[in-house]
Each structure stands twice: as structure tokens, then as C-alpha cells.
Protein backbone atom coordinates (compact mmCIF):
# COMPACT_ATOMS: atom_id res chain seq x y z
CA UNK A 1 -71.90 -56.76 -105.23
CA UNK A 2 -71.08 -57.28 -101.55
CA UNK A 3 -70.46 -54.80 -98.73
CA UNK A 4 -67.84 -54.41 -96.04
CA UNK A 5 -69.52 -55.69 -92.86
CA UNK A 6 -67.64 -53.06 -90.86
CA UNK A 7 -68.49 -49.84 -92.71
CA UNK A 8 -70.88 -50.81 -95.52
CA UNK A 9 -68.57 -49.87 -98.42
CA UNK A 10 -69.54 -51.67 -101.63
CA UNK A 11 -66.98 -54.24 -102.85
CA UNK A 12 -66.88 -56.16 -106.11
CA UNK A 13 -66.89 -59.94 -105.92
CA UNK A 14 -63.47 -61.64 -106.17
CA UNK A 15 -62.24 -63.11 -109.43
CA UNK A 16 -63.21 -66.70 -108.60
CA UNK A 17 -65.96 -67.22 -106.01
CA UNK A 18 -64.90 -70.86 -105.62
CA UNK A 19 -61.75 -69.84 -103.72
CA UNK A 20 -61.13 -68.16 -100.37
CA UNK A 21 -59.75 -64.59 -100.51
CA UNK A 22 -58.55 -61.80 -98.28
CA UNK A 23 -58.88 -58.08 -99.00
CA UNK A 24 -58.57 -54.73 -97.18
CA UNK A 25 -61.47 -52.28 -97.13
CA UNK A 26 -59.89 -48.98 -98.15
CA UNK A 27 -62.64 -47.01 -96.43
CA UNK A 28 -62.13 -48.38 -92.91
CA UNK A 29 -58.84 -50.33 -93.36
CA UNK A 30 -60.46 -53.51 -92.00
CA UNK A 31 -59.01 -56.80 -93.20
CA UNK A 32 -61.82 -58.91 -94.69
CA UNK A 33 -62.28 -62.57 -95.62
CA UNK A 34 -64.35 -63.99 -98.48
CA UNK A 35 -65.48 -67.60 -97.99
CA UNK A 36 -66.01 -69.87 -100.99
CA UNK A 37 -68.48 -71.89 -98.88
CA UNK A 38 -70.81 -69.08 -97.83
CA UNK A 39 -70.09 -66.85 -100.87
CA UNK A 40 -70.03 -63.95 -98.42
CA UNK A 41 -67.55 -61.67 -96.73
CA UNK A 42 -66.78 -61.32 -93.02
CA UNK A 43 -64.35 -59.51 -90.75
CA UNK A 44 -61.01 -61.28 -90.78
CA UNK A 45 -60.58 -61.45 -87.02
CA UNK A 46 -58.40 -64.56 -86.88
CA UNK A 47 -54.66 -64.41 -86.42
CA UNK A 48 -52.94 -64.78 -89.78
CA UNK A 49 -51.45 -68.24 -90.20
CA UNK A 50 -47.77 -67.81 -91.05
CA UNK A 51 -45.76 -70.14 -93.25
CA UNK A 52 -43.57 -72.42 -91.17
CA UNK A 53 -39.93 -71.91 -92.01
CA UNK A 54 -40.47 -68.70 -93.96
CA UNK A 55 -40.08 -66.99 -96.27
CA UNK A 56 -39.38 -63.94 -94.15
CA UNK A 57 -39.87 -60.50 -95.69
CA UNK A 58 -38.06 -57.43 -94.42
CA UNK A 59 -40.45 -54.50 -94.75
CA UNK A 60 -38.72 -51.12 -95.03
CA UNK A 61 -41.11 -48.26 -94.29
CA UNK A 62 -41.36 -44.61 -93.29
CA UNK A 63 -41.47 -43.71 -89.59
CA UNK A 64 -43.72 -40.67 -90.09
CA UNK A 65 -47.17 -40.90 -88.51
CA UNK A 66 -48.78 -39.58 -91.72
CA UNK A 67 -47.45 -42.64 -93.60
CA UNK A 68 -48.72 -45.24 -91.11
CA UNK A 69 -51.94 -45.98 -93.04
CA UNK A 70 -49.92 -46.66 -96.20
CA UNK A 71 -47.46 -48.83 -94.27
CA UNK A 72 -50.33 -50.83 -92.75
CA UNK A 73 -51.87 -51.48 -96.18
CA UNK A 74 -48.66 -52.92 -97.60
CA UNK A 75 -47.97 -54.85 -94.40
CA UNK A 76 -51.49 -56.31 -94.65
CA UNK A 77 -50.79 -57.38 -98.23
CA UNK A 78 -47.82 -59.40 -96.98
CA UNK A 79 -49.90 -60.87 -94.16
CA UNK A 80 -52.66 -61.79 -96.62
CA UNK A 81 -50.01 -63.89 -98.38
CA UNK A 82 -49.22 -65.54 -95.01
CA UNK A 83 -45.70 -64.13 -95.07
CA UNK A 84 -43.56 -63.60 -92.01
CA UNK A 85 -43.01 -59.83 -91.86
CA UNK A 86 -39.99 -58.25 -90.14
CA UNK A 87 -39.55 -54.49 -89.79
CA UNK A 88 -37.90 -51.95 -87.53
CA UNK A 89 -40.17 -50.74 -84.74
CA UNK A 90 -41.27 -47.10 -84.75
CA UNK A 91 -39.82 -46.51 -81.27
CA UNK A 92 -36.42 -48.17 -81.76
CA UNK A 93 -33.39 -46.16 -80.67
CA UNK A 94 -31.15 -44.94 -83.54
CA UNK A 95 -28.19 -47.17 -82.69
CA UNK A 96 -30.44 -50.21 -82.24
CA UNK A 97 -32.08 -49.53 -85.62
CA UNK A 98 -28.81 -49.95 -87.52
CA UNK A 99 -27.93 -53.29 -85.95
CA UNK A 100 -31.50 -54.59 -86.17
CA UNK A 101 -31.80 -53.56 -89.81
CA UNK A 102 -28.55 -55.28 -90.75
CA UNK A 103 -29.44 -58.49 -88.88
CA UNK A 104 -33.05 -58.70 -90.04
CA UNK A 105 -32.26 -57.93 -93.69
CA UNK A 106 -29.51 -60.55 -93.69
CA UNK A 107 -31.88 -63.17 -92.20
CA UNK A 108 -34.80 -62.46 -94.57
CA UNK A 109 -35.47 -64.01 -97.98
CA UNK A 110 -37.33 -61.04 -99.50
CA UNK A 111 -37.08 -57.27 -99.14
CA UNK A 112 -39.99 -54.87 -99.70
CA UNK A 113 -39.44 -51.11 -99.44
CA UNK A 114 -42.28 -48.60 -99.66
CA UNK A 115 -40.90 -45.14 -100.44
CA UNK A 116 -43.26 -42.23 -99.69
CA UNK A 117 -42.48 -38.60 -100.42
CA UNK A 118 -40.14 -37.20 -97.76
CA UNK A 119 -37.91 -34.33 -98.95
CA UNK A 120 -38.88 -31.49 -101.30
CA UNK A 121 -36.10 -30.75 -103.78
CA UNK A 122 -35.67 -28.37 -106.70
CA UNK A 123 -33.61 -28.85 -109.84
CA UNK A 124 -31.55 -26.15 -111.56
CA UNK A 125 -34.70 -24.95 -113.35
CA UNK A 126 -36.50 -24.60 -109.99
CA UNK A 127 -38.77 -27.56 -110.79
CA UNK A 128 -40.07 -29.39 -107.70
CA UNK A 129 -39.33 -33.06 -107.20
CA UNK A 130 -39.40 -35.39 -104.19
CA UNK A 131 -36.88 -37.75 -102.59
CA UNK A 132 -37.29 -40.47 -99.98
CA UNK A 133 -35.56 -40.74 -96.60
CA UNK A 134 -31.82 -41.36 -96.31
CA UNK A 135 -32.55 -44.10 -93.77
CA UNK A 136 -34.53 -46.14 -96.29
CA UNK A 137 -31.84 -45.64 -98.92
CA UNK A 138 -29.38 -47.18 -96.45
CA UNK A 139 -31.69 -50.19 -95.92
CA UNK A 140 -31.88 -50.62 -99.70
CA UNK A 141 -28.08 -50.60 -99.81
CA UNK A 142 -27.93 -53.30 -97.13
CA UNK A 143 -30.43 -55.48 -99.02
CA UNK A 144 -28.46 -55.08 -102.24
CA UNK A 145 -25.22 -55.99 -100.44
CA UNK A 146 -26.86 -59.18 -99.13
CA UNK A 147 -28.19 -59.93 -102.65
CA UNK A 148 -31.86 -60.16 -101.59
CA UNK A 149 -34.84 -60.41 -103.90
CA UNK A 150 -36.01 -56.78 -103.75
CA UNK A 151 -39.34 -55.07 -104.40
CA UNK A 152 -39.58 -51.25 -104.33
CA UNK A 153 -42.90 -49.36 -104.28
CA UNK A 154 -42.44 -45.65 -104.93
CA UNK A 155 -44.99 -42.90 -104.37
CA UNK A 156 -46.36 -41.27 -107.49
CA UNK A 157 -44.47 -38.13 -108.63
CA UNK A 158 -41.28 -39.17 -106.82
CA UNK A 159 -37.95 -39.13 -108.62
CA UNK A 160 -36.37 -42.03 -106.77
CA UNK A 161 -36.19 -44.89 -109.27
CA UNK A 162 -32.65 -44.30 -110.57
CA UNK A 163 -30.53 -47.34 -109.76
CA UNK A 164 -33.53 -49.06 -108.15
CA UNK A 165 -34.76 -50.16 -111.57
CA UNK A 166 -31.55 -52.16 -111.96
CA UNK A 167 -31.70 -53.97 -108.61
CA UNK A 168 -35.44 -54.13 -107.73
CA UNK A 169 -38.83 -54.90 -109.14
CA UNK A 170 -40.15 -51.31 -109.17
CA UNK A 171 -43.77 -50.19 -108.81
CA UNK A 172 -45.66 -46.97 -108.07
CA UNK A 173 -48.47 -46.14 -105.64
CA UNK A 174 -50.84 -43.20 -105.28
CA UNK A 175 -52.05 -42.60 -101.73
CA UNK A 176 -54.98 -40.51 -103.03
CA UNK A 177 -56.23 -43.25 -105.35
CA UNK A 178 -55.23 -46.51 -103.72
CA UNK A 179 -56.37 -49.91 -104.96
CA UNK A 180 -56.08 -53.24 -103.16
CA UNK A 181 -56.34 -56.67 -104.81
CA UNK A 182 -58.26 -59.72 -103.74
CA UNK A 183 -55.52 -62.03 -102.41
CA UNK A 184 -56.11 -65.75 -102.73
CA UNK A 185 -55.90 -67.41 -99.32
CA UNK A 186 -53.40 -70.16 -100.12
CA UNK A 187 -50.84 -71.67 -97.76
CA UNK A 188 -49.51 -74.19 -100.29
CA UNK A 189 -47.52 -71.83 -102.49
CA UNK A 190 -43.81 -72.30 -103.15
CA UNK A 191 -41.41 -69.43 -102.51
CA UNK A 192 -41.14 -68.89 -106.28
CA UNK A 193 -44.94 -68.72 -106.57
CA UNK A 194 -45.07 -66.18 -103.72
CA UNK A 195 -42.55 -63.90 -105.44
CA UNK A 196 -44.52 -64.10 -108.68
CA UNK A 197 -47.79 -63.32 -106.90
CA UNK A 198 -46.25 -60.43 -104.99
CA UNK A 199 -45.14 -58.91 -108.30
CA UNK A 200 -48.67 -59.35 -109.70
CA UNK A 201 -50.33 -57.75 -106.66
CA UNK A 202 -47.91 -54.81 -106.58
CA UNK A 203 -48.53 -54.29 -110.29
CA UNK A 204 -52.27 -54.25 -109.55
CA UNK A 205 -51.78 -51.56 -106.89
CA UNK A 206 -50.01 -49.16 -109.26
CA UNK A 207 -51.75 -45.88 -110.19
CA UNK A 208 -54.10 -46.31 -113.13
CA UNK A 209 -53.41 -44.34 -116.30
CA UNK A 210 -56.34 -41.99 -116.92
């Protein structure tokens, strides 16, 4: 058992202590680094080394302040994989957002969308269900039109899978019971390996069946 050097939260050892890993402390949201040499964990204060020449990932996220912590966790997962992350800035003007989204999605190799609960809806039996933002649905449409490799992570209890299951690798997340994997610190992965690992890590982050 080791502890987060920032807040003291207990962390389990990574799967293989003979490799270097990155992880996020879910108590303080600090990115951490496990060294195979020291067999200990430290604050990951260094700039993430990005992969030269890509792959670039377009990260589609909510613009609500209450979703920023969730966005940061998924963005950190991509950074832990040394991926080049592109997203639309929170303060972009509406007209700029459309052109930037189209250009960035076209220029990226991968597309990750995290869909939190946005709109309360009721069916004909007055049963509550949730939908995501129209803006993110438009970004998904752009990514599909450009035939990108797509990953969708949908908040628990949302009814947004629909067609997504046919065009994306679909996963769930639970903001009240979040889990974060140890991510092997490896810069020598092929693009195919990265896509496989991203699927594995997103699977790991899904809500656990109780």
C-alpha cells in the first residue's frame, strides 16, 4: 500500500512494479507517477511528453463548470497515454466553435466524447430519463462524417446510447463512484496498441456491478 504524496489517500500498488505508471488521485485530482526504480510514487510535475506526429485525439466535453472535474479526469487519461489532445476552449465564441470543431475533428485520428447528464426528459409514462447536449451530438455527427475511430463515455442512467453503439466503442461512467486505472508510461506504442489500451482503460473506468 502506498499513499498519495499530496493528500495522503491510500493507493494500491500498480499491476507490475517493474514498470513506470501514471495515475490520478481521485481525492485531490493530482496526477501521480510510480517509478519502477524507487518503487514509490511522486507528484507528476513534469510536462507530459507527447508523441511526435500524433496520434491526435479530439476530446468532446461539456462546457458546464460542474462537469470540469470529470472532463479533467478523462483529459488526464489521454495525457497519461502521451496523446496529443485537442478540444474546444470553454470561452470560444459560438461561431468560432463550429469552425474549430470541424477543423480539429477532421485533423484528428481519434475522437473521444464524454457525455454527462444535461437535459431532464420524461417519456409518455412520465418516467425520468436524461439526454446530453445538442452541441456534443453535433460533434459526434461530424466525427462520424469524417469516419474517425470513436469512443463514447456516457454517464450512468443516461439514455443516449442509441445509434452510438453502432458507430462508437461505448462505455459508462459514474461520477459518484469513479475509478481510475494505473496507466503504463510507454512512449513506444503503435497507434493500434494505443486504441486497444484506450478501450481497456475506458472499460476499467465503467461503473462496477454491485
